[in-house]
Amino acid sequence: MSSAPRRFVSDFITVSEFAELARMSRRSLDRLRQRRPDGFPTEYDFGTGEAKQSRQPRFKLEEVRAWLDSRALW
């Protein structure tokens, strides 16, 4: 048995959760997802099929936080 920590779905957030955390609209986040600027978090697909309706894109919470920190204007 491996001693490496397992990744659980709770380590990932939905697109809506990402938008809320980033304090932006879902539409603004969708535009960013289409452009994929440098350093943008990787999108993982937890969907069960090829159809667009079954896609459930998620992001690693730690990547989202790191990306948001890199954009901070303090």
PDB file of N, CA and C in Angstrom:
ATOM      1  N   MET A   1       0.836  -1.181   0.000  1.00  0.00           N
ATOM      2  CA  MET A   1       0.000   0.000   0.000  1.00  0.00           C
ATOM      3  C   MET A   1       0.882   1.247   0.000  1.00  0.00           C
ATOM      4  N   SER A   2       0.521   2.204  -0.787  1.00  0.00           N
ATOM      5  CA  SER A   2       1.296   3.434  -0.926  1.00  0.00           C
ATOM      6  C   SER A   2       1.089   4.351   0.277  1.00  0.00           C
ATOM      7  N   SER A   3       2.165   5.043   0.653  1.00  0.00           N
ATOM      8  CA  SER A   3       2.054   5.982   1.769  1.00  0.00           C
ATOM      9  C   SER A   3       1.764   7.406   1.289  1.00  0.00           C
ATOM     10  N   ALA A   4       1.694   7.598  -0.021  1.00  0.00           N
ATOM     11  CA  ALA A   4       1.415   8.925  -0.577  1.00  0.00           C
ATOM     12  C   ALA A   4      -0.023   9.330  -0.258  1.00  0.00           C
ATOM     13  N   PRO A   5      -0.247  10.616   0.025  1.00  0.00           N
ATOM     14  CA  PRO A   5      -1.615  11.049   0.327  1.00  0.00           C
ATOM     15  C   PRO A   5      -2.512  10.915  -0.893  1.00  0.00           C
ATOM     16  N   ARG A   6      -3.745  10.525  -0.664  1.00  0.00           N
ATOM     17  CA  ARG A   6      -4.713  10.386  -1.750  1.00  0.00           C
ATOM     18  C   ARG A   6      -5.395  11.719  -2.001  1.00  0.00           C
ATOM     19  N   ARG A   7      -5.723  11.965  -3.253  1.00  0.00           N
ATOM     20  CA  ARG A   7      -6.477  13.160  -3.625  1.00  0.00           C
ATOM     21  C   ARG A   7      -7.960  12.823  -3.555  1.00  0.00           C
ATOM     22  N   PHE A   8      -8.714  13.652  -2.934  1.00  0.00           N
ATOM     23  CA  PHE A   8     -10.148  13.469  -2.833  1.00  0.00           C
ATOM     24  C   PHE A   8     -10.840  14.583  -3.601  1.00  0.00           C
ATOM     25  N   VAL A   9     -12.082  14.356  -3.960  1.00  0.00           N
ATOM     26  CA  VAL A   9     -12.842  15.351  -4.706  1.00  0.00           C
ATOM     27  C   VAL A   9     -12.907  16.660  -3.927  1.00  0.00           C
ATOM     28  N   SER A  10     -12.835  16.597  -2.595  1.00  0.00           N
ATOM     29  CA  SER A  10     -12.899  17.821  -1.796  1.00  0.00           C
ATOM     30  C   SER A  10     -11.682  18.721  -2.015  1.00  0.00           C
ATOM     31  N   ASP A  11     -10.611  18.180  -2.597  1.00  0.00           N
ATOM     32  CA  ASP A  11      -9.436  18.987  -2.927  1.00  0.00           C
ATOM     33  C   ASP A  11      -9.666  19.802  -4.199  1.00  0.00           C
ATOM     34  N   PHE A  12     -10.812  19.593  -4.831  1.00  0.00           N
ATOM     35  CA  PHE A  12     -11.158  20.254  -6.079  1.00  0.00           C
ATOM     36  C   PHE A  12     -12.392  21.120  -5.872  1.00  0.00           C
ATOM     37  N   ILE A  13     -12.490  22.183  -6.660  1.00  0.00           N
ATOM     38  CA  ILE A  13     -13.657  23.057  -6.582  1.00  0.00           C
ATOM     39  C   ILE A  13     -14.301  23.171  -7.954  1.00  0.00           C
ATOM     40  N   THR A  14     -15.581  23.491  -7.962  1.00  0.00           N
ATOM     41  CA  THR A  14     -16.323  23.656  -9.207  1.00  0.00           C
ATOM     42  C   THR A  14     -16.029  25.024  -9.820  1.00  0.00           C
ATOM     43  N   VAL A  15     -16.503  25.209 -11.025  1.00  0.00           N
ATOM     44  CA  VAL A  15     -16.335  26.494 -11.705  1.00  0.00           C
ATOM     45  C   VAL A  15     -17.048  27.598 -10.917  1.00  0.00           C
ATOM     46  N   SER A  16     -18.232  27.307 -10.427  1.00  0.00           N
ATOM     47  CA  SER A  16     -18.980  28.305  -9.645  1.00  0.00           C
ATOM     48  C   SER A  16     -18.258  28.660  -8.350  1.00  0.00           C
ATOM     49  N   GLU A  17     -17.676  27.667  -7.694  1.00  0.00           N
ATOM     50  CA  GLU A  17     -16.922  27.923  -6.466  1.00  0.00           C
ATOM     51  C   GLU A  17     -15.675  28.751  -6.758  1.00  0.00           C
ATOM     52  N   PHE A  18     -15.027  28.470  -7.891  1.00  0.00           N
ATOM     53  CA  PHE A  18     -13.856  29.239  -8.323  1.00  0.00           C
ATOM     54  C   PHE A  18     -14.260  30.700  -8.509  1.00  0.00           C
ATOM     55  N   ALA A  19     -15.369  30.929  -9.217  1.00  0.00           N
ATOM     56  CA  ALA A  19     -15.829  32.299  -9.471  1.00  0.00           C
ATOM     57  C   ALA A  19     -16.119  33.025  -8.160  1.00  0.00           C
ATOM     58  N   GLU A  20     -16.751  32.339  -7.229  1.00  0.00           N
ATOM     59  CA  GLU A  20     -17.063  32.954  -5.936  1.00  0.00           C
ATOM     60  C   GLU A  20     -15.784  33.288  -5.168  1.00  0.00           C
ATOM     61  N   LEU A  21     -14.837  32.360  -5.158  1.00  0.00           N
ATOM     62  CA  LEU A  21     -13.574  32.580  -4.466  1.00  0.00           C
ATOM     63  C   LEU A  21     -12.807  33.752  -5.082  1.00  0.00           C
ATOM     64  N   ALA A  22     -12.873  33.870  -6.408  1.00  0.00           N
ATOM     65  CA  ALA A  22     -12.168  34.937  -7.126  1.00  0.00           C
ATOM     66  C   ALA A  22     -12.946  36.254  -7.127  1.00  0.00           C
ATOM     67  N   ARG A  23     -14.156  36.216  -6.602  1.00  0.00           N
ATOM     68  CA  ARG A  23     -15.028  37.394  -6.573  1.00  0.00           C
ATOM     69  C   ARG A  23     -15.247  37.968  -7.966  1.00  0.00           C
ATOM     70  N   MET A  24     -15.597  37.069  -8.881  1.00  0.00           N
ATOM     71  CA  MET A  24     -15.914  37.488 -10.242  1.00  0.00           C
ATOM     72  C   MET A  24     -17.153  36.738 -10.695  1.00  0.00           C
ATOM     73  N   SER A  25     -17.762  37.219 -11.743  1.00  0.00           N
ATOM     74  CA  SER A  25     -18.946  36.546 -12.262  1.00  0.00           C
ATOM     75  C   SER A  25     -18.543  35.243 -12.939  1.00  0.00           C
ATOM     76  N   ARG A  26     -19.489  34.353 -13.042  1.00  0.00           N
ATOM     77  CA  ARG A  26     -19.245  33.080 -13.716  1.00  0.00           C
ATOM     78  C   ARG A  26     -18.867  33.343 -15.179  1.00  0.00           C
ATOM     79  N   ARG A  27     -19.510  34.320 -15.797  1.00  0.00           N
ATOM     80  CA  ARG A  27     -19.229  34.659 -17.199  1.00  0.00           C
ATOM     81  C   ARG A  27     -17.791  35.148 -17.371  1.00  0.00           C
ATOM     82  N   SER A  28     -17.323  35.979 -16.454  1.00  0.00           N
ATOM     83  CA  SER A  28     -15.936  36.462 -16.526  1.00  0.00           C
ATOM     84  C   SER A  28     -14.960  35.305 -16.398  1.00  0.00           C
ATOM     85  N   LEU A  29     -15.266  34.382 -15.505  1.00  0.00           N
ATOM     86  CA  LEU A  29     -14.399  33.218 -15.344  1.00  0.00           C
ATOM     87  C   LEU A  29     -14.431  32.344 -16.596  1.00  0.00           C
ATOM     88  N   ASP A  30     -15.600  32.192 -17.198  1.00  0.00           N
ATOM     89  CA  ASP A  30     -15.697  31.407 -18.434  1.00  0.00           C
ATOM     90  C   ASP A  30     -14.837  32.017 -19.539  1.00  0.00           C
ATOM     91  N   ARG A  31     -14.797  33.348 -19.606  1.00  0.00           N
ATOM     92  CA  ARG A  31     -13.938  34.006 -20.605  1.00  0.00           C
ATOM     93  C   ARG A  31     -12.463  33.702 -20.333  1.00  0.00           C
ATOM     94  N   LEU A  32     -12.078  33.736 -19.069  1.00  0.00           N
ATOM     95  CA  LEU A  32     -10.695  33.384 -18.711  1.00  0.00           C
ATOM     96  C   LEU A  32     -10.397  31.933 -19.063  1.00  0.00           C
ATOM     97  N   ARG A  33     -11.341  31.062 -18.822  1.00  0.00           N
ATOM     98  CA  ARG A  33     -11.147  29.639 -19.140  1.00  0.00           C
ATOM     99  C   ARG A  33     -10.913  29.443 -20.633  1.00  0.00           C
ATOM    100  N   GLN A  34     -11.576  30.235 -21.456  1.00  0.00           N
ATOM    101  CA  GLN A  34     -11.392  30.136 -22.903  1.00  0.00           C
ATOM    102  C   GLN A  34     -10.027  30.657 -23.331  1.00  0.00           C
ATOM    103  N   ARG A  35      -9.568  31.740 -22.700  1.00  0.00           N
ATOM    104  CA  ARG A  35      -8.281  32.358 -23.071  1.00  0.00           C
ATOM    105  C   ARG A  35      -7.083  31.611 -22.507  1.00  0.00           C
ATOM    106  N   ARG A  36      -7.218  31.021 -21.352  1.00  0.00           N
ATOM    107  CA  ARG A  36      -6.135  30.298 -20.671  1.00  0.00           C
ATOM    108  C   ARG A  36      -4.872  31.144 -20.537  1.00  0.00           C
ATOM    109  N   PRO A  37      -4.915  32.236 -19.760  1.00  0.00           N
ATOM    110  CA  PRO A  37      -3.706  33.047 -19.577  1.00  0.00           C
ATOM    111  C   PRO A  37      -2.606  32.246 -18.883  1.00  0.00           C
ATOM    112  N   ASP A  38      -1.372  32.698 -19.012  1.00  0.00           N
ATOM    113  CA  ASP A  38      -0.239  32.014 -18.380  1.00  0.00           C
ATOM    114  C   ASP A  38      -0.494  31.824 -16.892  1.00  0.00           C
ATOM    115  N   GLY A  39      -0.226  30.631 -16.422  1.00  0.00           N
ATOM    116  CA  GLY A  39      -0.363  30.331 -15.008  1.00  0.00           C
ATOM    117  C   GLY A  39      -1.771  29.997 -14.566  1.00  0.00           C
ATOM    118  N   PHE A  40      -2.731  30.037 -15.486  1.00  0.00           N
ATOM    119  CA  PHE A  40      -4.117  29.737 -15.122  1.00  0.00           C
ATOM    120  C   PHE A  40      -4.215  28.289 -14.655  1.00  0.00           C
ATOM    121  N   PRO A  41      -4.990  28.028 -13.597  1.00  0.00           N
ATOM    122  CA  PRO A  41      -5.085  26.662 -13.060  1.00  0.00           C
ATOM    123  C   PRO A  41      -5.571  25.645 -14.093  1.00  0.00           C
ATOM    124  N   THR A  42      -5.067  24.444 -13.967  1.00  0.00           N
ATOM    125  CA  THR A  42      -5.451  23.344 -14.851  1.00  0.00           C
ATOM    126  C   THR A  42      -6.886  22.931 -14.567  1.00  0.00           C
ATOM    127  N   GLU A  43      -7.620  22.650 -15.628  1.00  0.00           N
ATOM    128  CA  GLU A  43      -9.005  22.208 -15.503  1.00  0.00           C
ATOM    129  C   GLU A  43      -9.038  20.686 -15.605  1.00  0.00           C
ATOM    130  N   TYR A  44      -9.704  20.050 -14.657  1.00  0.00           N
ATOM    131  CA  TYR A  44      -9.838  18.594 -14.640  1.00  0.00           C
ATOM    132  C   TYR A  44     -11.293  18.252 -14.904  1.00  0.00           C
ATOM    133  N   ASP A  45     -11.531  17.249 -15.744  1.00  0.00           N
ATOM    134  CA  ASP A  45     -12.888  16.876 -16.120  1.00  0.00           C
ATOM    135  C   ASP A  45     -13.312  15.630 -15.357  1.00  0.00           C
ATOM    136  N   PHE A  46     -14.305  15.768 -14.499  1.00  0.00           N
ATOM    137  CA  PHE A  46     -14.826  14.646 -13.740  1.00  0.00           C
ATOM    138  C   PHE A  46     -16.103  14.103 -14.355  1.00  0.00           C
ATOM    139  N   GLY A  47     -16.379  14.453 -15.606  1.00  0.00           N
ATOM    140  CA  GLY A  47     -17.580  13.993 -16.289  1.00  0.00           C
ATOM    141  C   GLY A  47     -17.516  12.515 -16.609  1.00  0.00           C
ATOM    142  N   THR A  48     -18.667  11.980 -16.986  1.00  0.00           N
ATOM    143  CA  THR A  48     -18.753  10.551 -17.261  1.00  0.00           C
ATOM    144  C   THR A  48     -18.868  10.233 -18.740  1.00  0.00           C
ATOM    145  N   GLY A  49     -18.962  11.238 -19.584  1.00  0.00           N
ATOM    146  CA  GLY A  49     -19.129  10.962 -21.001  1.00  0.00           C
ATOM    147  C   GLY A  49     -18.560  12.055 -21.872  1.00  0.00           C
ATOM    148  N   GLU A  50     -18.759  11.881 -23.162  1.00  0.00           N
ATOM    149  CA  GLU A  50     -18.246  12.836 -24.135  1.00  0.00           C
ATOM    150  C   GLU A  50     -19.165  14.043 -24.310  1.00  0.00           C
ATOM    151  N   ALA A  51     -20.439  13.877 -23.991  1.00  0.00           N
ATOM    152  CA  ALA A  51     -21.395  14.961 -24.198  1.00  0.00           C
ATOM    153  C   ALA A  51     -21.074  16.145 -23.298  1.00  0.00           C
ATOM    154  N   LYS A  52     -21.248  17.335 -23.839  1.00  0.00           N
ATOM    155  CA  LYS A  52     -20.940  18.549 -23.085  1.00  0.00           C
ATOM    156  C   LYS A  52     -21.762  18.633 -21.795  1.00  0.00           C
ATOM    157  N   GLN A  53     -22.990  18.133 -21.818  1.00  0.00           N
ATOM    158  CA  GLN A  53     -23.856  18.206 -20.652  1.00  0.00           C
ATOM    159  C   GLN A  53     -23.327  17.371 -19.491  1.00  0.00           C
ATOM    160  N   SER A  54     -22.554  16.336 -19.762  1.00  0.00           N
ATOM    161  CA  SER A  54     -22.079  15.456 -18.692  1.00  0.00           C
ATOM    162  C   SER A  54     -20.729  15.899 -18.124  1.00  0.00           C
ATOM    163  N   ARG A  55     -20.138  16.958 -18.694  1.00  0.00           N
ATOM    164  CA  ARG A  55     -18.849  17.434 -18.188  1.00  0.00           C
ATOM    165  C   ARG A  55     -19.024  18.114 -16.845  1.00  0.00           C
ATOM    166  N   GLN A  56     -18.085  17.862 -15.956  1.00  0.00           N
ATOM    167  CA  GLN A  56     -18.091  18.486 -14.640  1.00  0.00           C
ATOM    168  C   GLN A  56     -16.688  18.996 -14.344  1.00  0.00           C
ATOM    169  N   PRO A  57     -16.277  20.094 -15.006  1.00  0.00           N
ATOM    170  CA  PRO A  57     -14.913  20.590 -14.809  1.00  0.00           C
ATOM    171  C   PRO A  57     -14.674  21.035 -13.373  1.00  0.00           C
ATOM    172  N   ARG A  58     -13.475  20.719 -12.867  1.00  0.00           N
ATOM    173  CA  ARG A  58     -13.069  21.107 -11.514  1.00  0.00           C
ATOM    174  C   ARG A  58     -11.649  21.655 -11.575  1.00  0.00           C
ATOM    175  N   PHE A  59     -11.275  22.351 -10.521  1.00  0.00           N
ATOM    176  CA  PHE A  59      -9.939  22.911 -10.393  1.00  0.00           C
ATOM    177  C   PHE A  59      -9.381  22.518  -9.042  1.00  0.00           C
ATOM    178  N   LYS A  60      -8.061  22.309  -8.978  1.00  0.00           N
ATOM    179  CA  LYS A  60      -7.425  22.040  -7.692  1.00  0.00           C
ATOM    180  C   LYS A  60      -7.450  23.330  -6.883  1.00  0.00           C
ATOM    181  N   LEU A  61      -7.954  23.235  -5.673  1.00  0.00           N
ATOM    182  CA  LEU A  61      -8.083  24.405  -4.816  1.00  0.00           C
ATOM    183  C   LEU A  61      -6.734  25.078  -4.586  1.00  0.00           C
ATOM    184  N   GLU A  62      -5.682  24.293  -4.386  1.00  0.00           N
ATOM    185  CA  GLU A  62      -4.357  24.885  -4.130  1.00  0.00           C
ATOM    186  C   GLU A  62      -3.844  25.651  -5.346  1.00  0.00           C
ATOM    187  N   GLU A  63      -4.135  25.175  -6.568  1.00  0.00           N
ATOM    188  CA  GLU A  63      -3.722  25.884  -7.782  1.00  0.00           C
ATOM    189  C   GLU A  63      -4.499  27.191  -7.938  1.00  0.00           C
ATOM    190  N   VAL A  64      -5.782  27.144  -7.614  1.00  0.00           N
ATOM    191  CA  VAL A  64      -6.610  28.349  -7.707  1.00  0.00           C
ATOM    192  C   VAL A  64      -6.105  29.405  -6.731  1.00  0.00           C
ATOM    193  N   ARG A  65      -5.845  28.995  -5.505  1.00  0.00           N
ATOM    194  CA  ARG A  65      -5.341  29.949  -4.503  1.00  0.00           C
ATOM    195  C   ARG A  65      -3.997  30.540  -4.922  1.00  0.00           C
ATOM    196  N   ALA A  66      -3.109  29.702  -5.456  1.00  0.00           N
ATOM    197  CA  ALA A  66      -1.799  30.192  -5.903  1.00  0.00           C
ATOM    198  C   ALA A  66      -1.969  31.188  -7.048  1.00  0.00           C
ATOM    199  N   TRP A  67      -2.862  30.892  -7.982  1.00  0.00           N
ATOM    200  CA  TRP A  67      -3.099  31.789  -9.111  1.00  0.00           C
ATOM    201  C   TRP A  67      -3.678  33.114  -8.628  1.00  0.00           C
ATOM    202  N   LEU A  68      -4.635  33.047  -7.715  1.00  0.00           N
ATOM    203  CA  LEU A  68      -5.226  34.273  -7.175  1.00  0.00           C
ATOM    204  C   LEU A  68      -4.183  35.095  -6.426  1.00  0.00           C
ATOM    205  N   ASP A  69      -3.323  34.429  -5.653  1.00  0.00           N
ATOM    206  CA  ASP A  69      -2.255  35.136  -4.932  1.00  0.00           C
ATOM    207  C   ASP A  69      -1.295  35.824  -5.898  1.00  0.00           C
ATOM    208  N   SER A  70      -1.034  35.181  -7.042  1.00  0.00           N
ATOM    209  CA  SER A  70      -0.109  35.764  -8.021  1.00  0.00           C
ATOM    210  C   SER A  70      -0.701  37.001  -8.693  1.00  0.00           C
ATOM    211  N   ARG A  71      -2.006  37.144  -8.631  1.00  0.00           N
ATOM    212  CA  ARG A  71      -2.690  38.279  -9.252  1.00  0.00           C
ATOM    213  C   ARG A  71      -3.029  39.374  -8.253  1.00  0.00           C
ATOM    214  N   ALA A  72      -2.722  39.164  -6.989  1.00  0.00           N
ATOM    215  CA  ALA A  72      -3.069  40.141  -5.948  1.00  0.00           C
ATOM    216  C   ALA A  72      -2.347  41.462  -6.191  1.00  0.00           C
ATOM    217  N   LEU A  73      -3.044  42.528  -5.919  1.00  0.00           N
ATOM    218  CA  LEU A  73      -2.486  43.866  -6.168  1.00  0.00           C
ATOM    219  C   LEU A  73      -2.218  44.606  -4.869  1.00  0.00           C
ATOM    220  N   TRP A  74      -1.744  43.962  -3.868  1.00  0.00           N
ATOM    221  CA  TRP A  74      -1.514  44.609  -2.571  1.00  0.00           C
ATOM    222  C   TRP A  74      -0.398  45.578  -2.690  1.00  0.00           C
TER     223      TRP A  74
END
